Protein backbone atom coordinates (compact mmCIF):
# COMPACT_ATOMS: atom_id res chain seq x y z
CA MET A 1 9.82 -24.09 -4.31
CA LEU A 2 6.07 -23.01 -3.82
CA ILE A 3 7.61 -19.44 -3.67
CA ALA A 4 9.32 -20.42 -7.52
CA ALA A 5 6.17 -21.65 -8.51
CA LEU A 6 4.06 -18.53 -7.82
CA PHE A 7 6.93 -16.47 -9.70
CA LEU A 8 6.74 -19.32 -12.50
CA ALA A 9 2.98 -19.01 -12.88
CA ALA A 10 3.28 -15.19 -12.78
CA CYS A 11 5.55 -15.29 -15.29
CA ALA A 12 3.52 -17.53 -17.97
CA SER A 13 -0.25 -15.29 -17.35
CA GLY A 14 0.52 -12.95 -20.48
CA SER A 15 3.90 -11.63 -19.91
CA ALA A 16 4.86 -9.19 -22.87
CA ALA A 17 7.85 -9.61 -24.79
CA GLY A 18 10.00 -6.85 -26.03
CA PRO A 19 12.76 -4.64 -25.93
CA SER A 20 13.22 -2.33 -23.27
CA GLY A 21 11.70 0.76 -23.57
CA ARG A 22 11.97 4.81 -23.24
CA GLN A 23 8.30 5.29 -23.46
CA PRO A 24 5.92 4.85 -20.57
CA PRO A 25 5.21 1.41 -20.30
CA ALA A 26 2.02 0.31 -21.09
CA GLY A 27 -0.52 -1.00 -18.46
CA GLY A 28 0.10 -0.01 -14.93
CA GLY A 29 -1.79 2.14 -12.99
CA ILE A 30 -4.45 3.00 -10.50
CA THR A 31 -7.81 4.53 -11.92
CA SER A 32 -7.60 8.23 -10.57
CA LYS A 33 -10.40 10.46 -10.80
CA THR A 34 -8.59 13.52 -11.66
CA SER A 35 -6.29 14.15 -15.21
CA GLY A 36 -3.11 14.54 -15.96
CA LYS A 37 -1.40 11.86 -13.81
CA SER A 38 -0.01 9.91 -16.99
CA THR A 39 -1.05 9.33 -20.54
CA GLN A 40 -4.24 6.60 -19.09
CA GLY A 41 -5.40 9.39 -16.58
CA ARG A 42 -4.38 6.88 -14.14
CA LEU A 43 -1.89 7.38 -10.81
CA VAL A 44 1.05 5.46 -11.58
CA LEU A 45 2.51 3.00 -9.50
CA ALA A 46 5.80 2.37 -8.62
CA GLY A 47 8.02 -0.21 -6.11
CA TYR A 48 11.28 -0.07 -4.60
CA LEU A 49 12.40 -3.71 -5.52
CA PRO A 50 15.20 -5.94 -3.09
CA ILE A 51 16.34 -8.76 -5.11
CA SER A 52 14.03 -11.13 -2.72
CA ASN A 53 11.61 -14.02 -3.29
CA SER A 54 8.88 -12.45 -1.68
CA ALA A 55 9.53 -9.46 -4.07
CA ALA A 56 9.80 -11.60 -7.02
CA VAL A 57 6.04 -12.68 -6.19
CA SER A 58 5.00 -9.24 -5.52
CA LEU A 59 5.99 -8.17 -8.75
CA GLY A 60 4.20 -11.18 -10.47
CA VAL A 61 0.94 -10.27 -8.68
CA ALA A 62 1.20 -6.91 -9.16
CA HIS A 63 1.66 -7.45 -12.64
CA GLN A 64 -1.42 -9.93 -13.31
CA HIS A 65 -3.48 -7.20 -11.66
CA ARG A 66 -1.86 -4.76 -14.08
CA GLN A 67 -0.92 -2.43 -11.39
CA LEU A 68 3.08 -1.55 -11.54
CA ALA A 69 4.18 0.53 -13.72
CA GLU A 70 7.65 1.51 -12.39
CA ILE A 71 10.44 -0.43 -10.11
CA SER A 72 13.43 0.59 -8.40
CA PRO A 73 15.49 -2.54 -7.76
CA VAL A 74 17.70 -1.70 -4.53
CA LEU A 75 21.13 -2.52 -6.23
CA TYR A 76 23.60 0.08 -5.97
CA THR A 77 25.32 2.26 -3.06
CA VAL A 78 28.69 4.94 -3.98
CA ASP A 79 32.19 4.14 -2.40
CA PRO A 80 34.22 6.58 -1.44
CA SER A 81 35.80 7.79 -4.80
CA GLY A 82 33.03 8.44 -6.00
CA ALA A 83 32.12 5.02 -8.01
CA VAL A 84 28.78 3.31 -7.93
CA THR A 85 28.60 -0.18 -6.63
CA PRO A 86 26.48 -3.21 -6.67
CA THR A 87 25.31 -4.18 -3.39
CA THR A 88 23.63 -7.48 -5.15
CA LYS A 89 23.07 -8.92 -8.70
CA PRO A 90 20.32 -8.17 -10.79
CA ASP A 91 18.36 -11.56 -11.13
CA ARG A 92 15.61 -13.27 -13.54
CA VAL A 93 13.09 -10.91 -11.73
CA VAL A 94 14.46 -7.43 -12.96
CA GLU A 95 14.52 -8.90 -16.45
CA GLN A 96 11.60 -10.44 -16.14
CA ALA A 97 10.20 -6.83 -15.43
CA ARG A 98 11.70 -5.49 -18.52
CA ARG A 99 9.70 -7.93 -20.75
CA TRP A 100 6.67 -6.89 -18.76
CA GLN A 101 7.79 -3.39 -19.88
CA MET A 102 8.09 -1.78 -16.84
CA SER A 103 10.23 1.32 -16.49
CA ILE A 104 13.20 0.03 -14.49
CA LEU A 105 15.08 2.79 -12.46
CA PRO A 106 17.66 1.17 -10.12
CA LEU A 107 18.00 2.71 -6.65
CA ILE A 108 21.67 4.46 -5.82
CA GLN A 109 21.67 4.97 -2.09
CA ASN A 110 24.74 6.24 0.51
CA LEU A 111 24.04 2.88 2.59
CA ARG A 112 26.82 1.60 3.99
CA GLY A 113 27.43 -1.07 6.36
CA GLY A 114 23.73 -0.37 7.49
CA ASP A 115 24.45 3.27 8.18
CA TRP A 116 23.26 6.40 6.15
CA ASP A 117 27.13 7.65 5.13
CA ALA A 118 26.30 11.48 4.43
CA THR A 119 30.28 12.07 4.65
CA THR A 120 31.45 10.17 1.48
CA ILE A 121 28.36 12.34 -0.36
CA THR A 122 29.09 15.39 1.03
CA ALA A 123 33.12 14.75 0.06
CA LEU A 124 32.19 14.11 -3.19
CA LEU A 125 29.92 16.64 -4.17
CA ASN A 126 32.87 19.12 -2.83
CA ASP A 127 35.15 18.03 -4.88
CA GLN A 128 34.81 18.23 -9.01
CA GLN A 129 36.76 15.63 -9.95
CA ARG A 130 35.16 13.03 -8.05
CA ARG A 131 31.25 15.16 -8.59
CA ALA A 132 32.52 14.08 -12.01
CA HIS A 133 33.74 10.99 -11.66
CA HIS A 134 30.29 9.75 -9.76
CA ILE A 135 28.10 10.84 -12.51
CA GLN A 136 30.41 9.22 -15.19
CA SER A 137 29.62 6.01 -13.02
CA ILE A 138 26.40 6.33 -13.26
CA MET A 139 26.15 6.96 -16.84
CA ASP A 140 28.09 4.07 -17.79
CA MET A 141 25.71 1.76 -15.29
CA VAL A 142 22.76 3.41 -17.15
CA GLN A 143 24.24 2.78 -20.24
CA ASP A 144 25.57 -1.07 -19.93
CA GLN A 145 22.82 -2.11 -18.19
CA ASP A 146 20.27 -0.28 -20.05
CA TRP A 147 18.24 0.88 -17.62
CA ASN A 148 15.50 3.43 -18.18
CA GLY A 149 17.05 6.10 -15.55
CA VAL A 150 17.63 6.46 -11.81
CA ASP A 151 16.98 7.08 -8.27
CA ILE A 152 18.61 8.66 -6.66
CA ASP A 153 18.82 8.41 -2.81
CA TYR A 154 21.58 10.36 -0.66
CA GLU A 155 20.09 10.71 2.83
CA GLN A 156 20.89 12.86 6.14
CA LEU A 157 22.47 15.53 3.93
CA ASP A 158 23.21 18.61 5.95
CA ALA A 159 21.44 21.97 4.71
CA ALA A 160 25.09 23.40 4.15
CA ASP A 161 24.99 20.35 0.96
CA SER A 162 21.96 21.71 -0.35
CA GLY A 163 24.03 23.79 -3.33
CA THR A 164 26.27 20.88 -3.89
CA TYR A 165 23.81 18.67 -4.26
CA MET A 166 21.88 20.83 -6.43
CA THR A 167 24.50 21.06 -8.93
CA PHE A 168 25.32 17.38 -8.63
CA LEU A 169 21.64 16.60 -9.80
CA ARG A 170 21.33 19.27 -12.88
CA LEU A 171 24.81 17.98 -13.89
CA LEU A 172 23.63 14.22 -13.81
CA ALA A 173 19.72 15.49 -15.16
CA THR A 174 21.61 16.83 -18.17
CA GLU A 175 23.32 13.78 -18.92
CA LEU A 176 20.40 11.47 -18.44
CA HIS A 177 18.20 13.62 -20.47
CA HIS A 178 20.65 13.41 -23.22
CA ARG A 179 20.50 10.05 -23.68
CA HIS A 180 16.62 10.15 -22.67
CA LYS A 181 16.86 8.99 -19.65
CA LEU A 182 14.84 9.48 -16.27
CA LEU A 183 15.69 11.02 -13.12
CA ALA A 184 14.15 10.13 -10.22
CA VAL A 185 15.29 11.76 -6.81
CA ALA A 186 13.85 10.02 -2.74
CA VAL A 187 13.49 13.24 -0.80
CA PRO A 188 12.06 13.42 3.20
CA ALA A 189 8.93 13.75 4.28
CA LYS A 190 8.37 17.28 5.29
CA THR A 191 5.60 19.63 6.17
CA ALA A 192 7.31 23.17 6.27
CA GLU A 193 10.98 24.41 6.32
CA SER A 194 12.63 24.19 9.49
CA ALA A 195 15.88 25.30 10.84
CA GLU A 196 15.23 23.03 13.66
CA ASP A 197 15.84 19.98 11.24
CA PRO A 198 19.05 21.17 8.79
CA GLN A 199 19.06 17.75 7.27
CA SER A 200 15.31 18.34 5.59
CA GLN A 201 16.91 21.88 4.39
CA ALA A 202 19.60 20.26 1.95
CA TYR A 203 16.64 18.72 0.19
CA ARG A 204 14.88 22.00 -1.78
CA TYR A 205 11.99 20.58 -3.33
CA GLU A 206 11.43 23.54 -5.76
CA GLN A 207 14.98 23.71 -6.96
CA ILE A 208 14.92 19.27 -7.56
CA ALA A 209 11.94 19.70 -9.27
CA SER A 210 13.15 22.14 -11.36
CA VAL A 211 15.73 19.30 -13.05
CA ALA A 212 14.40 15.73 -11.89
CA ASP A 213 11.23 13.56 -13.89
CA GLU A 214 10.24 12.42 -10.06
CA ILE A 215 10.29 13.51 -6.74
CA ARG A 216 9.39 10.48 -4.31
CA VAL A 217 8.35 11.98 -1.05
CA MET A 218 9.27 9.30 1.28
CA ALA A 219 5.86 9.63 3.47
CA TYR A 220 6.75 7.36 6.52
CA ASP A 221 8.71 6.73 9.67
CA HIS A 222 6.80 9.29 11.32
CA ALA A 223 7.10 6.75 13.84
CA TRP A 224 10.46 4.87 13.75
CA GLU A 225 12.37 2.53 16.07
CA GLU A 226 13.00 5.26 19.15
CA SER A 227 9.95 6.65 18.95
CA PRO A 228 7.11 5.54 21.08
CA PRO A 229 4.45 2.93 18.92
CA GLY A 230 2.21 4.63 16.66
CA SER A 231 1.76 4.69 12.62
CA VAL A 232 4.50 5.02 10.14
CA ALA A 233 2.16 7.23 8.06
CA PRO A 234 -0.58 8.64 9.67
CA ARG A 235 -3.25 9.84 7.25
CA PRO A 236 -3.51 13.42 8.76
CA TRP A 237 0.55 13.74 8.69
CA VAL A 238 0.52 12.33 5.31
CA GLN A 239 -1.70 14.71 4.16
CA GLN A 240 0.25 17.60 5.57
CA VAL A 241 3.48 16.43 4.09
CA LEU A 242 1.13 16.39 0.98
CA ASN A 243 -0.20 19.82 1.02
CA TYR A 244 3.65 21.44 1.87
CA ALA A 245 4.84 19.20 -1.34
CA VAL A 246 2.21 20.17 -3.77
CA ARG A 247 3.26 23.96 -3.24
CA TYR A 248 6.84 23.50 -4.56
CA VAL A 249 6.35 20.19 -6.95
CA PRO A 250 4.43 20.08 -10.31
CA PRO A 251 1.99 17.15 -10.00
CA ASN A 252 3.14 15.41 -12.92
CA LYS A 253 6.74 15.27 -11.02
CA LEU A 254 5.38 14.35 -7.51
CA MET A 255 5.11 10.62 -6.24
CA LEU A 256 3.80 9.93 -2.81
CA GLY A 257 5.75 7.43 -1.06
CA ILE A 258 4.02 4.53 0.71
CA ALA A 259 4.69 2.30 3.55
CA ALA A 260 4.01 -1.48 3.21
CA TYR A 261 5.58 -1.89 6.70
CA GLY A 262 5.14 -1.59 10.07
CA TYR A 263 7.11 -1.70 13.54
CA ASP A 264 7.23 -4.17 16.42
CA TRP A 265 7.85 -2.48 19.72
CA ALA A 266 9.26 -3.82 22.53
CA ASP A 267 10.88 -3.20 25.88
CA GLY A 268 10.84 0.84 24.57
CA ARG A 269 12.74 -0.29 21.39
CA GLY A 270 10.96 -1.16 17.60
CA SER A 271 11.93 -3.72 15.09
CA PRO A 272 10.78 -3.27 11.21
CA ILE A 273 8.43 -5.50 9.91
CA GLY A 274 6.40 -6.15 6.61
CA ALA A 275 2.75 -5.99 6.74
CA THR A 276 2.36 -9.31 5.54
CA SER A 277 4.89 -10.95 8.31
CA ALA A 278 2.78 -8.51 10.64
CA ALA A 279 -0.58 -10.21 10.03
CA ALA A 280 0.75 -13.56 10.03
CA LEU A 281 2.32 -12.79 13.59
CA ALA A 282 -1.00 -11.76 14.69
CA ALA A 283 -2.52 -14.79 13.54
CA GLN A 284 0.09 -16.96 15.39
CA HIS A 285 -0.57 -15.18 18.65
CA ARG A 286 -4.19 -15.20 17.95
CA ALA A 287 -4.32 -11.41 18.51
CA THR A 288 -6.96 -8.90 17.49
CA VAL A 289 -5.88 -6.52 14.70
CA SER A 290 -7.65 -3.23 15.46
CA TRP A 291 -8.07 -0.50 12.91
CA ASP A 292 -7.24 3.12 14.03
CA GLU A 293 -9.35 5.90 12.44
CA THR A 294 -7.87 8.73 13.12
CA SER A 295 -4.20 7.39 11.70
CA ALA A 296 -5.88 5.01 9.30
CA SER A 297 -3.30 2.52 9.82
CA ALA A 298 -3.63 -0.87 12.09
CA TRP A 299 -2.43 -2.48 15.29
CA PHE A 300 -2.49 -5.13 17.77
CA ARG A 301 -0.66 -6.12 21.35
CA TYR A 302 0.68 -9.68 21.85
CA THR A 303 3.10 -11.37 24.88
CA SER A 304 5.79 -13.11 23.91
CA GLU A 305 8.03 -14.99 26.90
CA GLY A 306 6.72 -12.38 29.18
CA THR A 307 7.40 -9.29 27.01
CA ARG A 308 4.31 -6.76 25.54
CA HIS A 309 4.90 -6.44 22.24
CA THR A 310 2.93 -3.28 20.04
CA VAL A 311 2.59 -3.33 16.58
CA TRP A 312 1.74 -0.56 14.08
CA PHE A 313 1.78 -1.39 10.22
CA GLU A 314 0.17 -0.23 6.83
CA ASN A 315 -2.34 -3.10 6.15
CA ALA A 316 -4.24 -2.98 2.44
CA ARG A 317 -6.64 -0.82 4.02
CA ALA A 318 -4.00 1.38 5.09
CA MET A 319 -2.08 1.71 2.11
CA ALA A 320 -5.25 2.54 0.02
CA SER A 321 -6.05 5.22 2.26
CA LYS A 322 -2.90 7.07 1.01
CA VAL A 323 -3.09 6.04 -2.37
CA GLN A 324 -6.98 8.30 -1.92
CA LEU A 325 -5.00 11.03 -0.44
CA ALA A 326 -2.34 10.98 -3.71
CA ASN A 327 -5.12 10.68 -6.23
CA GLU A 328 -6.99 13.81 -4.82
CA ALA A 329 -3.62 15.93 -4.18
CA GLY A 330 -3.67 15.15 -7.89
CA ALA A 331 -0.06 13.76 -7.76
CA ARG A 332 1.02 11.61 -10.51
CA GLY A 333 1.54 8.51 -8.43
CA VAL A 334 2.51 6.91 -5.30
CA THR A 335 5.80 4.76 -4.49
CA ILE A 336 5.65 1.28 -2.12
CA TRP A 337 8.39 0.84 0.05
CA LYS A 338 9.04 -1.90 -0.06
CA LEU A 339 7.60 -4.84 -2.57
CA GLY A 340 7.35 -8.06 -0.78
CA ASP A 341 6.47 -6.18 1.97
CA GLU A 342 2.79 -5.64 1.27
CA ASP A 343 -0.31 -6.98 2.01
CA PRO A 344 -1.11 -8.87 -0.73
CA GLY A 345 -4.65 -7.23 -0.86
CA PHE A 346 -3.70 -4.21 -1.82
CA TRP A 347 -2.95 -5.42 -5.41
CA THR A 348 -7.36 -5.77 -5.57
CA SER A 349 -7.96 -3.05 -3.00
CA ALA A 350 -6.17 -0.55 -5.36
CA THR A 351 -7.85 -0.93 -8.32
CA THR A 352 -10.86 0.67 -6.80
CA LYS A 353 -8.88 3.88 -5.58
């Protein structure tokens, strides 16, 4: 009930009625020190939106601070025929974002059954008929729902898929742009081209930027479930990612993906945890949250049922630090993974960055 009340209160405070537009939304953004990022000289702030109560509250708070310009509801996957299928239904939160004139680019992933299904994507990319069916399915969905565009997140493709993936993106972009819709593409973070990482070679930044409207660089998971404990987005690494990206992506298309989460490691394996949950966990165990200056990330340790845990996460200060890097790099904006996980203090700290 409290969550619902918070969202309804946010809805009541200054919601802007009006049709979904194809023009850039009014308001949302982070004050920028350099020009050319948006029509208002501000970093564009976007966020991935799971369909959840916590994400609904985040959306309302972000709107109150006039911060969020774009959302990508996590809604769709791809079946073997090439059809786009919903994983959940849009709810009133998405409709509220539409009334607030936020651009809505739903996320289409190749995530099936909890795993990245690169096999299905590779097969349809290499089958002209299935590829055409897939593009038509995307366009039907965009038109039926009157979305502002789509965000394509097809992960773990091999280097051999690079050419067919680009053909698909080029054809999709043509169809979207003909209908005045936008194409965002999520890409893995890279600091260089490496033959040791064939999967990253499928995502050629320069080629993708030639057809997409936004390149969303996923600058997180530097540490992950199976790695030793550490920052998911250490500042020096994020800086290297940006240094590489700006060589190939025009600034007006570059979106830096920033984490709102971390991992809780125990017995050699980490479990994902949102920043809000991490802070609550630290308070529950009376653990002191420390700040690592090198990585610009937060961390703490605690013991539960005799097991020692180490938690690293991106709190408001950590997120603001990465926003600053995007600003200094001249990027168009940042994209949060994911709304509902973030430290609520981010929405106020970001206004001064």
